[in-house]
Amino acid sequence: MSEPGEELSIDMVAAALRADSADVALYARVLTESLGDSLPPGCVAVERARSVADRMHGRPGEVVKITVRLGERVLTLSVPPGRQPAAEVCHEVRGVVLSRQSVGVGEWAGELARALLTHAERNASAAEALRRLVVEG
């Protein structure tokens, strides 16, 4: 992110993330495919619910929860069956949750954007993944 004119802003990244926020399955794909490879292992976890039909046909199932861990920030987006997505932002230190806040999906995307930009400042491959997300998103 050191080249002039290529700086990513929180607003740009958050807008790219919000564009997909209505579809949690799409969010999961963006986080795992676009950013998952450039983030350290274990940063993005996706939980799925698999029906018997899913198992029989080798399908991965429906996304029910996405958890992103970046430093001391833990951001969770879940989709309870038949309900609206629920978003949560936690501050966690060495496995102990110091604060937990339920937020709207838009605010969650903004928090995720800030956490990703902070990570990208220290990691060139994450910075490139964010650029692709903003350009392609």
N, C-alpha and C. Protein backbone atom coordinates (compact mmCIF):
# COMPACT_ATOMS: atom_id res chain seq x y z
N MET A 1 0.83 -1.18 0.00
CA MET A 1 0.00 0.00 0.00
C MET A 1 0.87 1.24 0.00
N SER A 2 2.07 1.08 -0.54
CA SER A 2 2.99 2.20 -0.50
C SER A 2 3.02 3.01 -1.78
N GLU A 3 2.40 2.52 -2.84
CA GLU A 3 2.41 3.26 -4.09
C GLU A 3 1.41 4.39 -4.04
N PRO A 4 1.80 5.60 -4.48
CA PRO A 4 0.88 6.73 -4.47
C PRO A 4 -0.35 6.45 -5.33
N GLY A 5 -1.49 6.92 -4.87
CA GLY A 5 -2.71 6.76 -5.65
C GLY A 5 -3.37 5.41 -5.47
N GLU A 6 -2.71 4.49 -4.74
CA GLU A 6 -3.28 3.17 -4.56
C GLU A 6 -3.68 2.92 -3.11
N GLU A 7 -3.73 3.96 -2.30
CA GLU A 7 -4.12 3.82 -0.91
C GLU A 7 -5.58 3.39 -0.84
N LEU A 8 -5.86 2.43 0.01
CA LEU A 8 -7.22 1.99 0.23
C LEU A 8 -7.77 2.73 1.45
N SER A 9 -8.98 3.19 1.34
CA SER A 9 -9.59 3.86 2.48
C SER A 9 -10.56 2.90 3.15
N ILE A 10 -10.86 3.18 4.41
CA ILE A 10 -11.84 2.37 5.13
C ILE A 10 -13.17 2.41 4.40
N ASP A 11 -13.54 3.57 3.87
CA ASP A 11 -14.82 3.70 3.16
C ASP A 11 -14.87 2.82 1.92
N MET A 12 -13.76 2.75 1.18
CA MET A 12 -13.73 1.93 -0.04
C MET A 12 -13.87 0.45 0.30
N VAL A 13 -13.13 -0.02 1.30
CA VAL A 13 -13.18 -1.43 1.67
C VAL A 13 -14.55 -1.76 2.27
N ALA A 14 -15.05 -0.90 3.15
CA ALA A 14 -16.36 -1.14 3.76
C ALA A 14 -17.45 -1.17 2.70
N ALA A 15 -17.38 -0.30 1.71
CA ALA A 15 -18.38 -0.30 0.63
C ALA A 15 -18.34 -1.60 -0.15
N ALA A 16 -17.14 -2.09 -0.43
CA ALA A 16 -17.02 -3.36 -1.14
C ALA A 16 -17.59 -4.50 -0.31
N LEU A 17 -17.35 -4.47 1.00
CA LEU A 17 -17.89 -5.51 1.87
C LEU A 17 -19.40 -5.40 2.00
N ARG A 18 -19.91 -4.19 2.13
CA ARG A 18 -21.36 -4.00 2.29
C ARG A 18 -22.12 -4.43 1.04
N ALA A 19 -21.49 -4.35 -0.11
CA ALA A 19 -22.17 -4.71 -1.36
C ALA A 19 -22.67 -6.15 -1.31
N ASP A 20 -21.99 -7.01 -0.56
CA ASP A 20 -22.35 -8.42 -0.50
C ASP A 20 -22.99 -8.81 0.83
N SER A 21 -23.26 -7.86 1.71
CA SER A 21 -23.66 -8.21 3.07
C SER A 21 -25.04 -8.85 3.16
N ALA A 22 -25.90 -8.67 2.18
CA ALA A 22 -27.24 -9.25 2.25
C ALA A 22 -27.20 -10.76 2.07
N ASP A 23 -26.21 -11.27 1.40
CA ASP A 23 -26.09 -12.69 1.11
C ASP A 23 -24.91 -13.25 1.90
N VAL A 24 -25.18 -13.91 3.02
CA VAL A 24 -24.11 -14.38 3.90
C VAL A 24 -23.27 -15.45 3.21
N ALA A 25 -23.87 -16.28 2.35
CA ALA A 25 -23.11 -17.28 1.63
C ALA A 25 -22.09 -16.61 0.70
N LEU A 26 -22.52 -15.51 0.06
CA LEU A 26 -21.61 -14.76 -0.79
C LEU A 26 -20.51 -14.11 0.04
N TYR A 27 -20.87 -13.58 1.20
CA TYR A 27 -19.89 -13.00 2.12
C TYR A 27 -18.83 -14.05 2.48
N ALA A 28 -19.29 -15.25 2.79
CA ALA A 28 -18.36 -16.33 3.16
C ALA A 28 -17.39 -16.61 2.01
N ARG A 29 -17.92 -16.64 0.79
CA ARG A 29 -17.06 -16.89 -0.37
C ARG A 29 -16.04 -15.78 -0.54
N VAL A 30 -16.47 -14.51 -0.40
CA VAL A 30 -15.55 -13.38 -0.52
C VAL A 30 -14.45 -13.48 0.53
N LEU A 31 -14.85 -13.74 1.77
CA LEU A 31 -13.87 -13.80 2.85
C LEU A 31 -12.92 -14.98 2.71
N THR A 32 -13.43 -16.12 2.30
CA THR A 32 -12.56 -17.28 2.21
C THR A 32 -11.74 -17.29 0.93
N GLU A 33 -12.32 -16.91 -0.19
CA GLU A 33 -11.59 -16.95 -1.46
C GLU A 33 -10.74 -15.70 -1.69
N SER A 34 -11.32 -14.52 -1.50
CA SER A 34 -10.59 -13.29 -1.80
C SER A 34 -9.57 -12.95 -0.74
N LEU A 35 -9.94 -13.12 0.51
CA LEU A 35 -9.06 -12.70 1.60
C LEU A 35 -8.44 -13.87 2.34
N GLY A 36 -9.09 -15.01 2.36
CA GLY A 36 -8.62 -16.15 3.13
C GLY A 36 -7.21 -16.59 2.81
N ASP A 37 -6.82 -16.54 1.54
CA ASP A 37 -5.48 -16.98 1.16
C ASP A 37 -4.40 -16.02 1.63
N SER A 38 -4.73 -14.75 1.78
CA SER A 38 -3.71 -13.77 2.17
C SER A 38 -3.69 -13.50 3.67
N LEU A 39 -4.71 -13.98 4.37
CA LEU A 39 -4.73 -13.83 5.83
C LEU A 39 -4.08 -15.05 6.46
N PRO A 40 -3.53 -14.89 7.65
CA PRO A 40 -2.92 -16.04 8.32
C PRO A 40 -3.93 -17.18 8.49
N PRO A 41 -3.46 -18.42 8.50
CA PRO A 41 -4.38 -19.56 8.69
C PRO A 41 -5.19 -19.39 9.97
N GLY A 42 -6.45 -19.74 9.90
CA GLY A 42 -7.31 -19.66 11.07
C GLY A 42 -7.99 -18.33 11.28
N CYS A 43 -7.71 -17.34 10.42
CA CYS A 43 -8.34 -16.03 10.57
C CYS A 43 -9.81 -16.04 10.18
N VAL A 44 -10.16 -16.82 9.19
CA VAL A 44 -11.54 -16.87 8.71
C VAL A 44 -12.08 -18.29 8.93
N ALA A 45 -13.16 -18.39 9.69
CA ALA A 45 -13.81 -19.68 9.91
C ALA A 45 -15.25 -19.59 9.43
N VAL A 46 -15.68 -20.59 8.69
CA VAL A 46 -17.05 -20.63 8.17
C VAL A 46 -17.72 -21.90 8.70
N GLU A 47 -18.86 -21.72 9.35
CA GLU A 47 -19.66 -22.85 9.82
C GLU A 47 -20.82 -23.05 8.86
N ARG A 48 -21.08 -24.30 8.56
CA ARG A 48 -22.17 -24.63 7.63
C ARG A 48 -23.12 -25.64 8.26
N ALA A 49 -24.36 -25.57 7.86
CA ALA A 49 -25.36 -26.57 8.25
C ALA A 49 -25.57 -27.46 7.03
N ARG A 50 -25.35 -28.75 7.23
CA ARG A 50 -25.50 -29.69 6.12
C ARG A 50 -26.68 -30.61 6.38
N SER A 51 -27.59 -30.62 5.44
CA SER A 51 -28.72 -31.53 5.54
C SER A 51 -28.28 -32.91 5.08
N VAL A 52 -29.13 -33.88 5.27
CA VAL A 52 -28.84 -35.24 4.80
C VAL A 52 -28.65 -35.22 3.29
N ALA A 53 -29.49 -34.44 2.59
CA ALA A 53 -29.37 -34.35 1.13
C ALA A 53 -28.02 -33.74 0.73
N ASP A 54 -27.58 -32.74 1.49
CA ASP A 54 -26.27 -32.13 1.22
C ASP A 54 -25.18 -33.18 1.36
N ARG A 55 -25.23 -33.94 2.43
CA ARG A 55 -24.21 -34.97 2.66
C ARG A 55 -24.23 -36.03 1.57
N MET A 56 -25.43 -36.46 1.18
CA MET A 56 -25.55 -37.51 0.17
C MET A 56 -25.02 -37.06 -1.19
N HIS A 57 -25.18 -35.77 -1.50
CA HIS A 57 -24.76 -35.25 -2.79
C HIS A 57 -23.40 -34.55 -2.74
N GLY A 58 -22.73 -34.61 -1.60
CA GLY A 58 -21.40 -34.02 -1.47
C GLY A 58 -21.38 -32.50 -1.51
N ARG A 59 -22.51 -31.89 -1.16
CA ARG A 59 -22.57 -30.42 -1.13
C ARG A 59 -22.07 -29.92 0.21
N PRO A 60 -21.50 -28.70 0.22
CA PRO A 60 -20.93 -28.18 1.47
C PRO A 60 -21.97 -27.74 2.49
N GLY A 61 -23.19 -27.49 2.09
CA GLY A 61 -24.22 -27.04 3.01
C GLY A 61 -24.35 -25.53 2.99
N GLU A 62 -25.29 -25.04 3.81
CA GLU A 62 -25.60 -23.61 3.86
C GLU A 62 -24.77 -22.92 4.94
N VAL A 63 -24.22 -21.76 4.61
CA VAL A 63 -23.42 -21.00 5.57
C VAL A 63 -24.33 -20.47 6.68
N VAL A 64 -23.96 -20.72 7.93
CA VAL A 64 -24.75 -20.23 9.06
C VAL A 64 -23.96 -19.26 9.94
N LYS A 65 -22.62 -19.28 9.82
CA LYS A 65 -21.82 -18.38 10.66
C LYS A 65 -20.44 -18.17 10.05
N ILE A 66 -20.00 -16.91 10.09
CA ILE A 66 -18.66 -16.54 9.64
C ILE A 66 -17.97 -15.85 10.82
N THR A 67 -16.75 -16.28 11.13
CA THR A 67 -15.98 -15.65 12.19
C THR A 67 -14.64 -15.21 11.62
N VAL A 68 -14.31 -13.94 11.81
CA VAL A 68 -13.03 -13.40 11.34
C VAL A 68 -12.25 -12.96 12.57
N ARG A 69 -11.03 -13.49 12.71
CA ARG A 69 -10.15 -13.14 13.83
C ARG A 69 -8.95 -12.40 13.29
N LEU A 70 -8.83 -11.14 13.66
CA LEU A 70 -7.69 -10.31 13.25
C LEU A 70 -7.15 -9.60 14.49
N GLY A 71 -6.04 -10.09 14.99
CA GLY A 71 -5.48 -9.52 16.21
C GLY A 71 -6.43 -9.75 17.36
N GLU A 72 -6.76 -8.70 18.07
CA GLU A 72 -7.64 -8.79 19.23
C GLU A 72 -9.12 -8.60 18.86
N ARG A 73 -9.40 -8.42 17.56
CA ARG A 73 -10.78 -8.24 17.10
C ARG A 73 -11.32 -9.57 16.59
N VAL A 74 -12.51 -9.92 17.05
CA VAL A 74 -13.20 -11.11 16.58
C VAL A 74 -14.56 -10.65 16.09
N LEU A 75 -14.79 -10.82 14.80
CA LEU A 75 -16.04 -10.36 14.18
C LEU A 75 -16.83 -11.58 13.72
N THR A 76 -18.09 -11.65 14.16
CA THR A 76 -18.92 -12.80 13.84
C THR A 76 -20.19 -12.33 13.14
N LEU A 77 -20.53 -13.03 12.06
CA LEU A 77 -21.78 -12.79 11.34
C LEU A 77 -22.50 -14.12 11.26
N SER A 78 -23.70 -14.20 11.86
CA SER A 78 -24.43 -15.46 11.84
C SER A 78 -25.82 -15.25 11.25
N VAL A 79 -26.37 -16.35 10.75
CA VAL A 79 -27.70 -16.30 10.15
C VAL A 79 -28.56 -17.37 10.80
N PRO A 80 -29.32 -16.99 11.84
CA PRO A 80 -30.23 -17.96 12.43
C PRO A 80 -31.30 -18.33 11.41
N PRO A 81 -31.71 -19.60 11.34
CA PRO A 81 -32.71 -20.01 10.34
C PRO A 81 -33.98 -19.17 10.42
N GLY A 82 -34.37 -18.61 9.28
CA GLY A 82 -35.59 -17.83 9.18
C GLY A 82 -35.53 -16.44 9.79
N ARG A 83 -34.32 -15.98 10.15
CA ARG A 83 -34.19 -14.66 10.78
C ARG A 83 -33.15 -13.83 10.04
N GLN A 84 -33.08 -12.57 10.42
CA GLN A 84 -32.11 -11.65 9.84
C GLN A 84 -30.70 -11.99 10.35
N PRO A 85 -29.66 -11.65 9.57
CA PRO A 85 -28.30 -11.88 10.05
C PRO A 85 -28.03 -11.12 11.36
N ALA A 86 -27.24 -11.73 12.23
CA ALA A 86 -26.84 -11.11 13.49
C ALA A 86 -25.33 -10.90 13.45
N ALA A 87 -24.88 -9.69 13.76
CA ALA A 87 -23.46 -9.36 13.70
C ALA A 87 -22.97 -9.00 15.10
N GLU A 88 -21.72 -9.38 15.37
CA GLU A 88 -21.15 -9.13 16.68
C GLU A 88 -19.67 -8.80 16.53
N VAL A 89 -19.21 -7.86 17.33
CA VAL A 89 -17.79 -7.47 17.35
C VAL A 89 -17.29 -7.66 18.78
N CYS A 90 -16.21 -8.43 18.92
CA CYS A 90 -15.64 -8.70 20.24
C CYS A 90 -14.19 -8.23 20.30
N HIS A 91 -13.78 -7.85 21.49
CA HIS A 91 -12.38 -7.56 21.78
C HIS A 91 -11.92 -8.72 22.66
N GLU A 92 -10.95 -9.49 22.14
CA GLU A 92 -10.53 -10.70 22.82
C GLU A 92 -9.02 -10.69 23.01
N VAL A 93 -8.57 -11.01 24.21
CA VAL A 93 -7.14 -11.09 24.50
C VAL A 93 -6.84 -12.46 25.10
N ARG A 94 -5.97 -13.20 24.43
CA ARG A 94 -5.57 -14.54 24.87
C ARG A 94 -6.76 -15.43 25.22
N GLY A 95 -7.77 -15.41 24.37
CA GLY A 95 -8.93 -16.27 24.55
C GLY A 95 -9.97 -15.75 25.51
N VAL A 96 -9.74 -14.60 26.12
CA VAL A 96 -10.71 -14.02 27.05
C VAL A 96 -11.41 -12.86 26.37
N VAL A 97 -12.74 -12.92 26.29
CA VAL A 97 -13.52 -11.85 25.68
C VAL A 97 -13.67 -10.72 26.68
N LEU A 98 -13.08 -9.57 26.34
CA LEU A 98 -13.15 -8.40 27.22
C LEU A 98 -14.39 -7.56 26.96
N SER A 99 -14.84 -7.55 25.70
CA SER A 99 -16.07 -6.83 25.38
C SER A 99 -16.75 -7.52 24.20
N ARG A 100 -18.06 -7.43 24.19
CA ARG A 100 -18.88 -8.04 23.13
C ARG A 100 -19.98 -7.04 22.80
N GLN A 101 -20.13 -6.74 21.51
CA GLN A 101 -21.13 -5.76 21.11
C GLN A 101 -21.90 -6.26 19.89
N SER A 102 -23.22 -6.29 20.00
CA SER A 102 -24.05 -6.60 18.84
C SER A 102 -24.17 -5.34 18.00
N VAL A 103 -23.97 -5.48 16.69
CA VAL A 103 -24.01 -4.33 15.79
C VAL A 103 -24.82 -4.69 14.55
N GLY A 104 -25.16 -3.68 13.77
CA GLY A 104 -25.82 -3.92 12.49
C GLY A 104 -24.80 -4.45 11.49
N VAL A 105 -25.29 -5.05 10.42
CA VAL A 105 -24.40 -5.63 9.42
C VAL A 105 -23.53 -4.56 8.78
N GLY A 106 -24.07 -3.36 8.54
CA GLY A 106 -23.28 -2.27 7.97
C GLY A 106 -22.14 -1.85 8.88
N GLU A 107 -22.42 -1.74 10.17
CA GLU A 107 -21.37 -1.39 11.13
C GLU A 107 -20.34 -2.50 11.23
N TRP A 108 -20.81 -3.75 11.17
CA TRP A 108 -19.92 -4.91 11.20
C TRP A 108 -18.94 -4.84 10.01
N ALA A 109 -19.48 -4.50 8.84
CA ALA A 109 -18.63 -4.38 7.64
C ALA A 109 -17.59 -3.29 7.83
N GLY A 110 -17.98 -2.18 8.46
CA GLY A 110 -17.03 -1.10 8.74
C GLY A 110 -15.94 -1.53 9.70
N GLU A 111 -16.31 -2.27 10.75
CA GLU A 111 -15.32 -2.79 11.70
C GLU A 111 -14.39 -3.78 11.01
N LEU A 112 -14.96 -4.63 10.16
CA LEU A 112 -14.14 -5.59 9.41
C LEU A 112 -13.17 -4.86 8.50
N ALA A 113 -13.65 -3.80 7.84
CA ALA A 113 -12.79 -3.02 6.95
C ALA A 113 -11.62 -2.42 7.73
N ARG A 114 -11.90 -1.85 8.91
CA ARG A 114 -10.82 -1.28 9.73
C ARG A 114 -9.81 -2.35 10.14
N ALA A 115 -10.30 -3.50 10.58
CA ALA A 115 -9.41 -4.58 11.00
C ALA A 115 -8.57 -5.09 9.83
N LEU A 116 -9.20 -5.21 8.65
CA LEU A 116 -8.46 -5.67 7.46
C LEU A 116 -7.40 -4.66 7.04
N LEU A 117 -7.74 -3.37 7.09
CA LEU A 117 -6.76 -2.34 6.72
C LEU A 117 -5.59 -2.32 7.69
N THR A 118 -5.87 -2.49 8.96
CA THR A 118 -4.79 -2.55 9.96
C THR A 118 -3.89 -3.73 9.67
N HIS A 119 -4.48 -4.87 9.35
CA HIS A 119 -3.69 -6.06 9.01
C HIS A 119 -2.91 -5.83 7.71
N ALA A 120 -3.54 -5.20 6.74
CA ALA A 120 -2.90 -4.98 5.44
C ALA A 120 -1.71 -4.02 5.53
N GLU A 121 -1.74 -3.12 6.51
CA GLU A 121 -0.60 -2.22 6.69
C GLU A 121 0.67 -2.98 7.03
N ARG A 122 0.51 -4.18 7.59
CA ARG A 122 1.65 -5.00 7.99
C ARG A 122 1.90 -6.17 7.05
N ASN A 123 1.05 -6.34 6.03
CA ASN A 123 1.14 -7.53 5.20
C ASN A 123 0.83 -7.19 3.75
N ALA A 124 1.81 -7.35 2.87
CA ALA A 124 1.66 -6.96 1.46
C ALA A 124 0.62 -7.81 0.73
N SER A 125 0.56 -9.13 0.99
CA SER A 125 -0.40 -9.96 0.26
C SER A 125 -1.83 -9.63 0.69
N ALA A 126 -2.04 -9.28 1.95
CA ALA A 126 -3.37 -8.85 2.39
C ALA A 126 -3.75 -7.54 1.73
N ALA A 127 -2.78 -6.64 1.59
CA ALA A 127 -3.04 -5.36 0.92
C ALA A 127 -3.47 -5.59 -0.53
N GLU A 128 -2.81 -6.51 -1.21
CA GLU A 128 -3.17 -6.80 -2.61
C GLU A 128 -4.57 -7.43 -2.69
N ALA A 129 -4.89 -8.31 -1.75
CA ALA A 129 -6.22 -8.92 -1.73
C ALA A 129 -7.30 -7.87 -1.52
N LEU A 130 -7.05 -6.89 -0.66
CA LEU A 130 -8.01 -5.80 -0.44
C LEU A 130 -8.17 -4.96 -1.70
N ARG A 131 -7.08 -4.70 -2.39
CA ARG A 131 -7.19 -3.94 -3.65
C ARG A 131 -8.07 -4.67 -4.65
N ARG A 132 -7.87 -5.99 -4.77
CA ARG A 132 -8.70 -6.79 -5.68
C ARG A 132 -10.16 -6.74 -5.26
N LEU A 133 -10.42 -6.83 -3.95
CA LEU A 133 -11.79 -6.79 -3.44
C LEU A 133 -12.46 -5.48 -3.82
N VAL A 134 -11.76 -4.37 -3.67
CA VAL A 134 -12.33 -3.05 -3.96
C VAL A 134 -12.54 -2.88 -5.45
N VAL A 135 -11.58 -3.34 -6.27
CA VAL A 135 -11.67 -3.17 -7.72
C VAL A 135 -12.71 -4.10 -8.32
N GLU A 136 -12.71 -5.37 -7.91
CA GLU A 136 -13.61 -6.37 -8.49
C GLU A 136 -14.99 -6.33 -7.84
N GLY A 137 -15.06 -5.87 -6.55
CA GLY A 137 -16.33 -5.90 -5.81
C GLY A 137 -17.26 -4.93 -6.37
